Amino acid sequence: MDSFQKSADYQLANLFSAPGMSNEYLTRECLTIIAKLSTGEYSSTELKEESQKLFEFRKLLKEKDPVSQLIDAIYMALNNKCELDNEDR
Protein backbone atom coordinates (compact mmCIF):
# COMPACT_ATOMS: atom_id res chain seq x y z
CA MET A 1 0.00 0.00 0.00
CA ASP A 2 1.28 3.43 -0.90
CA SER A 3 1.97 5.52 2.19
CA PHE A 4 2.02 8.80 0.28
CA GLN A 5 -0.44 11.28 1.79
CA LYS A 6 -1.18 9.04 4.78
CA SER A 7 -1.29 10.48 8.28
CA ALA A 8 1.78 10.53 10.48
CA ASP A 9 0.07 8.12 12.88
CA TYR A 10 -0.64 5.71 10.01
CA GLN A 11 3.00 5.87 8.95
CA LEU A 12 4.30 5.43 12.50
CA ALA A 13 2.17 2.33 12.95
CA ASN A 14 2.52 0.70 9.55
CA LEU A 15 5.92 1.74 8.27
CA PHE A 16 7.91 1.94 11.48
CA SER A 17 5.98 -0.44 13.79
CA ALA A 18 6.08 2.33 16.39
CA PRO A 19 2.48 3.53 16.85
CA GLY A 20 3.14 5.69 19.93
CA MET A 21 0.71 6.78 22.61
CA SER A 22 -2.93 7.44 21.61
CA ASN A 23 -2.31 6.75 17.93
CA GLU A 24 -5.24 8.31 16.05
CA TYR A 25 -5.04 5.90 13.12
CA LEU A 26 -5.36 2.89 15.44
CA THR A 27 -8.13 4.61 17.37
CA ARG A 28 -10.11 5.05 14.13
CA GLU A 29 -9.51 1.41 13.20
CA CYS A 30 -10.76 0.34 16.65
CA LEU A 31 -13.86 2.49 16.41
CA THR A 32 -14.66 1.03 12.99
CA ILE A 33 -14.52 -2.50 14.42
CA ILE A 34 -16.60 -1.48 17.46
CA ALA A 35 -19.23 0.08 15.17
CA LYS A 36 -19.41 -3.14 13.16
CA LEU A 37 -19.68 -5.19 16.35
CA SER A 38 -22.55 -3.06 17.58
CA THR A 39 -24.63 -3.64 14.45
CA GLY A 40 -24.49 -7.42 14.75
CA GLU A 41 -24.42 -7.68 10.95
CA TYR A 42 -20.90 -9.08 10.73
CA SER A 43 -19.73 -12.57 11.64
CA SER A 44 -17.23 -12.95 14.44
CA THR A 45 -14.88 -14.69 12.00
CA GLU A 46 -14.97 -11.72 9.64
CA LEU A 47 -14.39 -9.23 12.46
CA LYS A 48 -11.56 -11.31 13.92
CA GLU A 49 -9.81 -11.26 10.56
CA GLU A 50 -10.22 -7.48 10.34
CA SER A 51 -8.99 -7.10 13.92
CA GLN A 52 -5.90 -9.27 13.54
CA LYS A 53 -3.67 -6.33 12.63
CA LEU A 54 -4.90 -4.45 15.72
CA PHE A 55 -4.06 -7.46 17.89
CA GLU A 56 -0.52 -7.40 16.49
CA PHE A 57 -0.19 -3.67 17.23
CA ARG A 58 -1.41 -4.33 20.79
CA LYS A 59 1.94 -5.95 21.56
CA LEU A 60 3.66 -2.65 20.75
CA LEU A 61 1.48 -0.46 22.98
CA LYS A 62 1.88 0.38 26.64
CA GLU A 63 -0.69 -0.87 29.14
CA LYS A 64 -1.85 2.65 29.99
CA ASP A 65 -2.39 3.64 26.35
CA PRO A 66 -6.13 4.14 25.75
CA VAL A 67 -5.76 2.43 22.37
CA SER A 68 -4.52 -0.74 24.05
CA GLN A 69 -7.65 -0.69 26.21
CA LEU A 70 -9.84 -0.35 23.09
CA ILE A 71 -8.06 -3.28 21.46
CA ASP A 72 -8.49 -5.35 24.64
CA ALA A 73 -12.21 -4.52 24.64
CA ILE A 74 -12.51 -5.61 21.00
CA TYR A 75 -10.70 -8.86 21.78
CA MET A 76 -13.01 -9.61 24.70
CA ALA A 77 -16.13 -8.68 22.73
CA LEU A 78 -15.14 -10.90 19.81
CA ASN A 79 -14.43 -13.84 22.09
CA ASN A 80 -17.81 -13.37 23.79
CA LYS A 81 -19.50 -13.10 20.38
CA CYS A 82 -17.84 -16.36 19.27
CA GLU A 83 -19.14 -18.09 22.39
CA LEU A 84 -22.65 -16.78 21.77
CA ASP A 85 -22.50 -17.76 18.09
CA ASN A 86 -21.50 -21.30 19.08
CA GLU A 87 -24.34 -21.52 21.62
CA ASP A 88 -26.87 -20.60 18.91
CA ARG A 89 -25.89 -23.64 16.82
PDB file of N, CA and C in Angstrom:
ATOM      1  N   MET A   1       0.852  -1.187   0.000  1.00  0.00           N
ATOM      2  CA  MET A   1       0.000   0.000   0.000  1.00  0.00           C
ATOM      3  C   MET A   1       0.891   1.241   0.000  1.00  0.00           C
ATOM      4  N   ASP A   2       0.521   2.197  -0.793  1.00  0.00           N
ATOM      5  CA  ASP A   2       1.283   3.427  -0.896  1.00  0.00           C
ATOM      6  C   ASP A   2       1.042   4.290   0.338  1.00  0.00           C
ATOM      7  N   SER A   3       2.112   4.732   0.969  1.00  0.00           N
ATOM      8  CA  SER A   3       1.969   5.521   2.193  1.00  0.00           C
ATOM      9  C   SER A   3       1.972   7.018   1.919  1.00  0.00           C
ATOM     10  N   PHE A   4       2.056   7.391   0.644  1.00  0.00           N
ATOM     11  CA  PHE A   4       2.023   8.801   0.281  1.00  0.00           C
ATOM     12  C   PHE A   4       0.684   9.396   0.693  1.00  0.00           C
ATOM     13  N   GLN A   5       0.727  10.544   1.310  1.00  0.00           N
ATOM     14  CA  GLN A   5      -0.440  11.282   1.787  1.00  0.00           C
ATOM     15  C   GLN A   5      -1.221  10.544   2.877  1.00  0.00           C
ATOM     16  N   LYS A   6      -0.566   9.684   3.624  1.00  0.00           N
ATOM     17  CA  LYS A   6      -1.178   9.043   4.782  1.00  0.00           C
ATOM     18  C   LYS A   6      -0.768   9.831   6.019  1.00  0.00           C
ATOM     19  N   SER A   7      -1.570   9.728   7.063  1.00  0.00           N
ATOM     20  CA  SER A   7      -1.288  10.485   8.282  1.00  0.00           C
ATOM     21  C   SER A   7       0.015  10.018   8.923  1.00  0.00           C
ATOM     22  N   ALA A   8       0.554  10.881   9.750  1.00  0.00           N
ATOM     23  CA  ALA A   8       1.777  10.533  10.478  1.00  0.00           C
ATOM     24  C   ALA A   8       1.541   9.321  11.374  1.00  0.00           C
ATOM     25  N   ASP A   9       0.367   9.257  12.011  1.00  0.00           N
ATOM     26  CA  ASP A   9       0.071   8.118  12.877  1.00  0.00           C
ATOM     27  C   ASP A   9      -0.034   6.822  12.077  1.00  0.00           C
ATOM     28  N   TYR A  10      -0.592   6.883  10.886  1.00  0.00           N
ATOM     29  CA  TYR A  10      -0.641   5.711  10.011  1.00  0.00           C
ATOM     30  C   TYR A  10       0.781   5.257   9.699  1.00  0.00           C
ATOM     31  N   GLN A  11       1.628   6.195   9.317  1.00  0.00           N
ATOM     32  CA  GLN A  11       2.999   5.869   8.948  1.00  0.00           C
ATOM     33  C   GLN A  11       3.789   5.331  10.134  1.00  0.00           C
ATOM     34  N   LEU A  12       3.607   5.939  11.305  1.00  0.00           N
ATOM     35  CA  LEU A  12       4.300   5.430  12.496  1.00  0.00           C
ATOM     36  C   LEU A  12       3.918   3.982  12.776  1.00  0.00           C
ATOM     37  N   ALA A  13       2.648   3.685  12.654  1.00  0.00           N
ATOM     38  CA  ALA A  13       2.172   2.334  12.945  1.00  0.00           C
ATOM     39  C   ALA A  13       2.597   1.341  11.867  1.00  0.00           C
ATOM     40  N   ASN A  14       2.343   1.668  10.626  1.00  0.00           N
ATOM     41  CA  ASN A  14       2.518   0.697   9.552  1.00  0.00           C
ATOM     42  C   ASN A  14       3.922   0.633   8.949  1.00  0.00           C
ATOM     43  N   LEU A  15       4.586   1.747   8.883  1.00  0.00           N
ATOM     44  CA  LEU A  15       5.919   1.736   8.275  1.00  0.00           C
ATOM     45  C   LEU A  15       7.023   1.469   9.290  1.00  0.00           C
ATOM     46  N   PHE A  16       6.846   2.009  10.495  1.00  0.00           N
ATOM     47  CA  PHE A  16       7.914   1.935  11.484  1.00  0.00           C
ATOM     48  C   PHE A  16       7.595   1.010  12.660  1.00  0.00           C
ATOM     49  N   SER A  17       6.415   0.426  12.674  1.00  0.00           N
ATOM     50  CA  SER A  17       5.980  -0.439  13.791  1.00  0.00           C
ATOM     51  C   SER A  17       6.210   0.247  15.139  1.00  0.00           C
ATOM     52  N   ALA A  18       5.920   1.526  15.169  1.00  0.00           N
ATOM     53  CA  ALA A  18       6.080   2.331  16.385  1.00  0.00           C
ATOM     54  C   ALA A  18       4.880   3.262  16.523  1.00  0.00           C
ATOM     55  N   PRO A  19       3.694   2.717  16.868  1.00  0.00           N
ATOM     56  CA  PRO A  19       2.481   3.532  16.853  1.00  0.00           C
ATOM     57  C   PRO A  19       2.454   4.686  17.849  1.00  0.00           C
ATOM     58  N   GLY A  20       3.139   4.598  18.958  1.00  0.00           N
ATOM     59  CA  GLY A  20       3.137   5.687  19.927  1.00  0.00           C
ATOM     60  C   GLY A  20       1.826   5.794  20.682  1.00  0.00           C
ATOM     61  N   MET A  21       1.845   6.622  21.706  1.00  0.00           N
ATOM     62  CA  MET A  21       0.711   6.785  22.615  1.00  0.00           C
ATOM     63  C   MET A  21      -0.482   7.434  21.916  1.00  0.00           C
ATOM     64  N   SER A  22      -1.668   6.900  22.135  1.00  0.00           N
ATOM     65  CA  SER A  22      -2.934   7.440  21.614  1.00  0.00           C
ATOM     66  C   SER A  22      -2.910   7.649  20.100  1.00  0.00           C
ATOM     67  N   ASN A  23      -2.407   6.673  19.386  1.00  0.00           N
ATOM     68  CA  ASN A  23      -2.308   6.746  17.933  1.00  0.00           C
ATOM     69  C   ASN A  23      -3.707   6.907  17.323  1.00  0.00           C
ATOM     70  N   GLU A  24      -3.917   8.006  16.602  1.00  0.00           N
ATOM     71  CA  GLU A  24      -5.237   8.312  16.049  1.00  0.00           C
ATOM     72  C   GLU A  24      -5.657   7.329  14.958  1.00  0.00           C
ATOM     73  N   TYR A  25      -4.721   6.871  14.158  1.00  0.00           N
ATOM     74  CA  TYR A  25      -5.039   5.898  13.120  1.00  0.00           C
ATOM     75  C   TYR A  25      -5.578   4.613  13.756  1.00  0.00           C
ATOM     76  N   LEU A  26      -4.896   4.109  14.778  1.00  0.00           N
ATOM     77  CA  LEU A  26      -5.356   2.890  15.442  1.00  0.00           C
ATOM     78  C   LEU A  26      -6.676   3.109  16.163  1.00  0.00           C
ATOM     79  N   THR A  27      -6.863   4.293  16.720  1.00  0.00           N
ATOM     80  CA  THR A  27      -8.134   4.614  17.368  1.00  0.00           C
ATOM     81  C   THR A  27      -9.277   4.538  16.360  1.00  0.00           C
ATOM     82  N   ARG A  28      -9.079   5.112  15.178  1.00  0.00           N
ATOM     83  CA  ARG A  28     -10.107   5.049  14.126  1.00  0.00           C
ATOM     84  C   ARG A  28     -10.380   3.608  13.707  1.00  0.00           C
ATOM     85  N   GLU A  29      -9.333   2.818  13.579  1.00  0.00           N
ATOM     86  CA  GLU A  29      -9.506   1.412  13.205  1.00  0.00           C
ATOM     87  C   GLU A  29     -10.320   0.677  14.279  1.00  0.00           C
ATOM     88  N   CYS A  30     -10.012   0.953  15.544  1.00  0.00           N
ATOM     89  CA  CYS A  30     -10.755   0.340  16.655  1.00  0.00           C
ATOM     90  C   CYS A  30     -12.224   0.738  16.615  1.00  0.00           C
ATOM     91  N   LEU A  31     -12.481   2.014  16.425  1.00  0.00           N
ATOM     92  CA  LEU A  31     -13.864   2.486  16.411  1.00  0.00           C
ATOM     93  C   LEU A  31     -14.662   1.897  15.246  1.00  0.00           C
ATOM     94  N   THR A  32     -14.003   1.668  14.126  1.00  0.00           N
ATOM     95  CA  THR A  32     -14.662   1.028  12.989  1.00  0.00           C
ATOM     96  C   THR A  32     -15.089  -0.395  13.353  1.00  0.00           C
ATOM     97  N   ILE A  33     -14.196  -1.133  14.002  1.00  0.00           N
ATOM     98  CA  ILE A  33     -14.521  -2.504  14.422  1.00  0.00           C
ATOM     99  C   ILE A  33     -15.639  -2.489  15.461  1.00  0.00           C
ATOM    100  N   ILE A  34     -15.564  -1.576  16.421  1.00  0.00           N
ATOM    101  CA  ILE A  34     -16.596  -1.483  17.462  1.00  0.00           C
ATOM    102  C   ILE A  34     -17.957  -1.158  16.834  1.00  0.00           C
ATOM    103  N   ALA A  35     -17.974  -0.263  15.856  1.00  0.00           N
ATOM    104  CA  ALA A  35     -19.229   0.077  15.174  1.00  0.00           C
ATOM    105  C   ALA A  35     -19.800  -1.150  14.467  1.00  0.00           C
ATOM    106  N   LYS A  36     -18.949  -1.927  13.832  1.00  0.00           N
ATOM    107  CA  LYS A  36     -19.412  -3.142  13.161  1.00  0.00           C
ATOM    108  C   LYS A  36     -19.918  -4.163  14.171  1.00  0.00           C
ATOM    109  N   LEU A  37     -19.230  -4.274  15.295  1.00  0.00           N
ATOM    110  CA  LEU A  37     -19.676  -5.189  16.355  1.00  0.00           C
ATOM    111  C   LEU A  37     -21.063  -4.811  16.853  1.00  0.00           C
ATOM    112  N   SER A  38     -21.288  -3.525  16.997  1.00  0.00           N
ATOM    113  CA  SER A  38     -22.546  -3.060  17.575  1.00  0.00           C
ATOM    114  C   SER A  38     -23.745  -3.314  16.669  1.00  0.00           C
ATOM    115  N   THR A  39     -23.515  -3.409  15.353  1.00  0.00           N
ATOM    116  CA  THR A  39     -24.634  -3.640  14.445  1.00  0.00           C
ATOM    117  C   THR A  39     -25.081  -5.095  14.441  1.00  0.00           C
ATOM    118  N   GLY A  40     -24.160  -6.001  14.762  1.00  0.00           N
ATOM    119  CA  GLY A  40     -24.488  -7.423  14.748  1.00  0.00           C
ATOM    120  C   GLY A  40     -24.615  -8.009  13.354  1.00  0.00           C
ATOM    121  N   GLU A  41     -24.271  -7.239  12.333  1.00  0.00           N
ATOM    122  CA  GLU A  41     -24.420  -7.683  10.951  1.00  0.00           C
ATOM    123  C   GLU A  41     -23.196  -8.422  10.415  1.00  0.00           C
ATOM    124  N   TYR A  42     -22.138  -8.474  11.192  1.00  0.00           N
ATOM    125  CA  TYR A  42     -20.900  -9.082  10.734  1.00  0.00           C
ATOM    126  C   TYR A  42     -20.601 -10.323  11.557  1.00  0.00           C
ATOM    127  N   SER A  43     -20.064 -11.339  10.915  1.00  0.00           N
ATOM    128  CA  SER A  43     -19.726 -12.567  11.638  1.00  0.00           C
ATOM    129  C   SER A  43     -18.488 -12.329  12.492  1.00  0.00           C
ATOM    130  N   SER A  44     -18.388 -13.083  13.572  1.00  0.00           N
ATOM    131  CA  SER A  44     -17.229 -12.949  14.444  1.00  0.00           C
ATOM    132  C   SER A  44     -15.960 -13.334  13.696  1.00  0.00           C
ATOM    133  N   THR A  45     -16.053 -14.282  12.777  1.00  0.00           N
ATOM    134  CA  THR A  45     -14.875 -14.685  11.996  1.00  0.00           C
ATOM    135  C   THR A  45     -14.386 -13.531  11.136  1.00  0.00           C
ATOM    136  N   GLU A  46     -15.315 -12.857  10.485  1.00  0.00           N
ATOM    137  CA  GLU A  46     -14.972 -11.716   9.635  1.00  0.00           C
ATOM    138  C   GLU A  46     -14.335 -10.592  10.464  1.00  0.00           C
ATOM    139  N   LEU A  47     -14.918 -10.304  11.604  1.00  0.00           N
ATOM    140  CA  LEU A  47     -14.393  -9.232  12.457  1.00  0.00           C
ATOM    141  C   LEU A  47     -13.046  -9.610  13.065  1.00  0.00           C
ATOM    142  N   LYS A  48     -12.861 -10.878  13.396  1.00  0.00           N
ATOM    143  CA  LYS A  48     -11.561 -11.313  13.924  1.00  0.00           C
ATOM    144  C   LYS A  48     -10.469 -11.130  12.878  1.00  0.00           C
ATOM    145  N   GLU A  49     -10.786 -11.442  11.633  1.00  0.00           N
ATOM    146  CA  GLU A  49      -9.812 -11.256  10.557  1.00  0.00           C
ATOM    147  C   GLU A  49      -9.455  -9.779  10.410  1.00  0.00           C
ATOM    148  N   GLU A  50     -10.465  -8.921  10.445  1.00  0.00           N
ATOM    149  CA  GLU A  50     -10.221  -7.480  10.338  1.00  0.00           C
ATOM    150  C   GLU A  50      -9.431  -6.951  11.532  1.00  0.00           C
ATOM    151  N   SER A  51      -9.619  -7.566  12.680  1.00  0.00           N
ATOM    152  CA  SER A  51      -8.986  -7.098  13.915  1.00  0.00           C
ATOM    153  C   SER A  51      -7.578  -7.640  14.116  1.00  0.00           C
ATOM    154  N   GLN A  52      -7.184  -8.605  13.323  1.00  0.00           N
ATOM    155  CA  GLN A  52      -5.901  -9.272  13.541  1.00  0.00           C
ATOM    156  C   GLN A  52      -4.730  -8.289  13.566  1.00  0.00           C
ATOM    157  N   LYS A  53      -4.751  -7.319  12.676  1.00  0.00           N
ATOM    158  CA  LYS A  53      -3.670  -6.331  12.629  1.00  0.00           C
ATOM    159  C   LYS A  53      -3.645  -5.505  13.931  1.00  0.00           C
ATOM    160  N   LEU A  54      -4.830  -5.181  14.447  1.00  0.00           N
ATOM    161  CA  LEU A  54      -4.900  -4.452  15.717  1.00  0.00           C
ATOM    162  C   LEU A  54      -4.306  -5.285  16.843  1.00  0.00           C
ATOM    163  N   PHE A  55      -4.589  -6.589  16.843  1.00  0.00           N
ATOM    164  CA  PHE A  55      -4.058  -7.461  17.887  1.00  0.00           C
ATOM    165  C   PHE A  55      -2.532  -7.518  17.826  1.00  0.00           C
ATOM    166  N   GLU A  56      -1.982  -7.421  16.630  1.00  0.00           N
ATOM    167  CA  GLU A  56      -0.520  -7.397  16.492  1.00  0.00           C
ATOM    168  C   GLU A  56       0.045  -6.079  17.024  1.00  0.00           C
ATOM    169  N   PHE A  57      -0.642  -4.980  16.726  1.00  0.00           N
ATOM    170  CA  PHE A  57      -0.191  -3.674  17.230  1.00  0.00           C
ATOM    171  C   PHE A  57      -0.281  -3.608  18.754  1.00  0.00           C
ATOM    172  N   ARG A  58      -1.218  -4.345  19.323  1.00  0.00           N
ATOM    173  CA  ARG A  58      -1.414  -4.328  20.788  1.00  0.00           C
ATOM    174  C   ARG A  58      -0.127  -4.656  21.517  1.00  0.00           C
ATOM    175  N   LYS A  59       0.670  -5.544  20.950  1.00  0.00           N
ATOM    176  CA  LYS A  59       1.938  -5.952  21.563  1.00  0.00           C
ATOM    177  C   LYS A  59       2.931  -4.794  21.653  1.00  0.00           C
ATOM    178  N   LEU A  60       2.740  -3.790  20.804  1.00  0.00           N
ATOM    179  CA  LEU A  60       3.663  -2.650  20.755  1.00  0.00           C
ATOM    180  C   LEU A  60       3.230  -1.484  21.640  1.00  0.00           C
ATOM    181  N   LEU A  61       2.039  -1.577  22.213  1.00  0.00           N
ATOM    182  CA  LEU A  61       1.484  -0.464  22.984  1.00  0.00           C
ATOM    183  C   LEU A  61       1.696  -0.666  24.481  1.00  0.00           C
ATOM    184  N   LYS A  62       1.768   0.440  25.187  1.00  0.00           N
ATOM    185  CA  LYS A  62       1.884   0.383  26.643  1.00  0.00           C
ATOM    186  C   LYS A  62       0.521   0.084  27.260  1.00  0.00           C
ATOM    187  N   GLU A  63       0.545  -0.499  28.438  1.00  0.00           N
ATOM    188  CA  GLU A  63      -0.694  -0.865  29.135  1.00  0.00           C
ATOM    189  C   GLU A  63      -1.613   0.332  29.375  1.00  0.00           C
ATOM    190  N   LYS A  64      -1.048   1.476  29.662  1.00  0.00           N
ATOM    191  CA  LYS A  64      -1.855   2.653  29.989  1.00  0.00           C
ATOM    192  C   LYS A  64      -2.344   3.416  28.761  1.00  0.00           C
ATOM    193  N   ASP A  65      -1.938   2.982  27.589  1.00  0.00           N
ATOM    194  CA  ASP A  65      -2.385   3.637  26.353  1.00  0.00           C
ATOM    195  C   ASP A  65      -3.875   3.338  26.148  1.00  0.00           C
ATOM    196  N   PRO A  66      -4.696   4.365  25.967  1.00  0.00           N
ATOM    197  CA  PRO A  66      -6.129   4.144  25.754  1.00  0.00           C
ATOM    198  C   PRO A  66      -6.419   3.247  24.546  1.00  0.00           C
ATOM    199  N   VAL A  67      -5.562   3.273  23.544  1.00  0.00           N
ATOM    200  CA  VAL A  67      -5.763   2.433  22.367  1.00  0.00           C
ATOM    201  C   VAL A  67      -5.614   0.958  22.742  1.00  0.00           C
ATOM    202  N   SER A  68      -4.684   0.653  23.626  1.00  0.00           N
ATOM    203  CA  SER A  68      -4.521  -0.740  24.047  1.00  0.00           C
ATOM    204  C   SER A  68      -5.778  -1.220  24.775  1.00  0.00           C
ATOM    205  N   GLN A  69      -6.409  -0.329  25.510  1.00  0.00           N
ATOM    206  CA  GLN A  69      -7.646  -0.690  26.208  1.00  0.00           C
ATOM    207  C   GLN A  69      -8.790  -0.923  25.216  1.00  0.00           C
ATOM    208  N   LEU A  70      -8.830  -0.138  24.139  1.00  0.00           N
ATOM    209  CA  LEU A  70      -9.835  -0.353  23.093  1.00  0.00           C
ATOM    210  C   LEU A  70      -9.620  -1.708  22.409  1.00  0.00           C
ATOM    211  N   ILE A  71      -8.369  -2.010  22.110  1.00  0.00           N
ATOM    212  CA  ILE A  71      -8.063  -3.285  21.457  1.00  0.00           C
ATOM    213  C   ILE A  71      -8.420  -4.446  22.379  1.00  0.00           C
ATOM    214  N   ASP A  72      -8.121  -4.309  23.668  1.00  0.00           N
ATOM    215  CA  ASP A  72      -8.490  -5.353  24.636  1.00  0.00           C
ATOM    216  C   ASP A  72     -10.010  -5.544  24.679  1.00  0.00           C
ATOM    217  N   ALA A  73     -10.743  -4.449  24.617  1.00  0.00           N
ATOM    218  CA  ALA A  73     -12.208  -4.524  24.641  1.00  0.00           C
ATOM    219  C   ALA A  73     -12.723  -5.232  23.387  1.00  0.00           C
ATOM    220  N   ILE A  74     -12.118  -4.950  22.249  1.00  0.00           N
ATOM    221  CA  ILE A  74     -12.512  -5.614  21.002  1.00  0.00           C
ATOM    222  C   ILE A  74     -12.229  -7.110  21.111  1.00  0.00           C
ATOM    223  N   TYR A  75     -11.069  -7.452  21.624  1.00  0.00           N
ATOM    224  CA  TYR A  75     -10.705  -8.860  21.780  1.00  0.00           C
ATOM    225  C   TYR A  75     -11.721  -9.596  22.665  1.00  0.00           C
ATOM    226  N   MET A  76     -12.048  -8.986  23.785  1.00  0.00           N
ATOM    227  CA  MET A  76     -13.009  -9.613  24.697  1.00  0.00           C
ATOM    228  C   MET A  76     -14.390  -9.719  24.054  1.00  0.00           C
ATOM    229  N   ALA A  77     -14.819  -8.670  23.368  1.00  0.00           N
ATOM    230  CA  ALA A  77     -16.133  -8.679  22.727  1.00  0.00           C
ATOM    231  C   ALA A  77     -16.203  -9.747  21.637  1.00  0.00           C
ATOM    232  N   LEU A  78     -15.144  -9.890  20.867  1.00  0.00           N
ATOM    233  CA  LEU A  78     -15.139 -10.898  19.806  1.00  0.00           C
ATOM    234  C   LEU A  78     -15.148 -12.307  20.381  1.00  0.00           C
ATOM    235  N   ASN A  79     -14.426 -12.519  21.467  1.00  0.00           N
ATOM    236  CA  ASN A  79     -14.430 -13.844  22.091  1.00  0.00           C
ATOM    237  C   ASN A  79     -15.806 -14.160  22.675  1.00  0.00           C
ATOM    238  N   ASN A  80     -16.453 -13.167  23.273  1.00  0.00           N
ATOM    239  CA  ASN A  80     -17.813 -13.372  23.789  1.00  0.00           C
ATOM    240  C   ASN A  80     -18.788 -13.636  22.652  1.00  0.00           C
ATOM    241  N   LYS A  81     -18.619 -12.912  21.539  1.00  0.00           N
ATOM    242  CA  LYS A  81     -19.497 -13.101  20.377  1.00  0.00           C
ATOM    243  C   LYS A  81     -19.323 -14.503  19.812  1.00  0.00           C
ATOM    244  N   CYS A  82     -18.093 -15.000  19.769  1.00  0.00           N
ATOM    245  CA  CYS A  82     -17.845 -16.363  19.268  1.00  0.00           C
ATOM    246  C   CYS A  82     -18.558 -17.375  20.158  1.00  0.00           C
ATOM    247  N   GLU A  83     -18.476 -17.184  21.465  1.00  0.00           N
ATOM    248  CA  GLU A  83     -19.136 -18.094  22.391  1.00  0.00           C
ATOM    249  C   GLU A  83     -20.645 -18.076  22.178  1.00  0.00           C
ATOM    250  N   LEU A  84     -21.203 -16.890  21.991  1.00  0.00           N
ATOM    251  CA  LEU A  84     -22.651 -16.777  21.766  1.00  0.00           C
ATOM    252  C   LEU A  84     -23.036 -17.412  20.429  1.00  0.00           C
ATOM    253  N   ASP A  85     -22.226 -17.175  19.398  1.00  0.00           N
ATOM    254  CA  ASP A  85     -22.502 -17.760  18.088  1.00  0.00           C
ATOM    255  C   ASP A  85     -22.504 -19.282  18.175  1.00  0.00           C
ATOM    256  N   ASN A  86     -21.578 -19.840  18.933  1.00  0.00           N
ATOM    257  CA  ASN A  86     -21.501 -21.299  19.082  1.00  0.00           C
ATOM    258  C   ASN A  86     -22.688 -21.848  19.873  1.00  0.00           C
ATOM    259  N   GLU A  87     -23.188 -21.095  20.834  1.00  0.00           N
ATOM    260  CA  GLU A  87     -24.337 -21.524  21.617  1.00  0.00           C
ATOM    261  C   GLU A  87     -25.608 -21.561  20.771  1.00  0.00           C
ATOM    262  N   ASP A  88     -25.686 -20.665  19.776  1.00  0.00           N
ATOM    263  CA  ASP A  88     -26.875 -20.596  18.914  1.00  0.00           C
ATOM    264  C   ASP A  88     -26.975 -21.776  17.952  1.00  0.00           C
ATOM    265  N   ARG A  89     -25.892 -22.525  17.783  1.00  0.00           N
ATOM    266  CA  ARG A  89     -25.886 -23.644  16.821  1.00  0.00           C
ATOM    267  C   ARG A  89     -26.494 -24.866  17.397  1.00  0.00           C
TER     268      ARG A  89
END
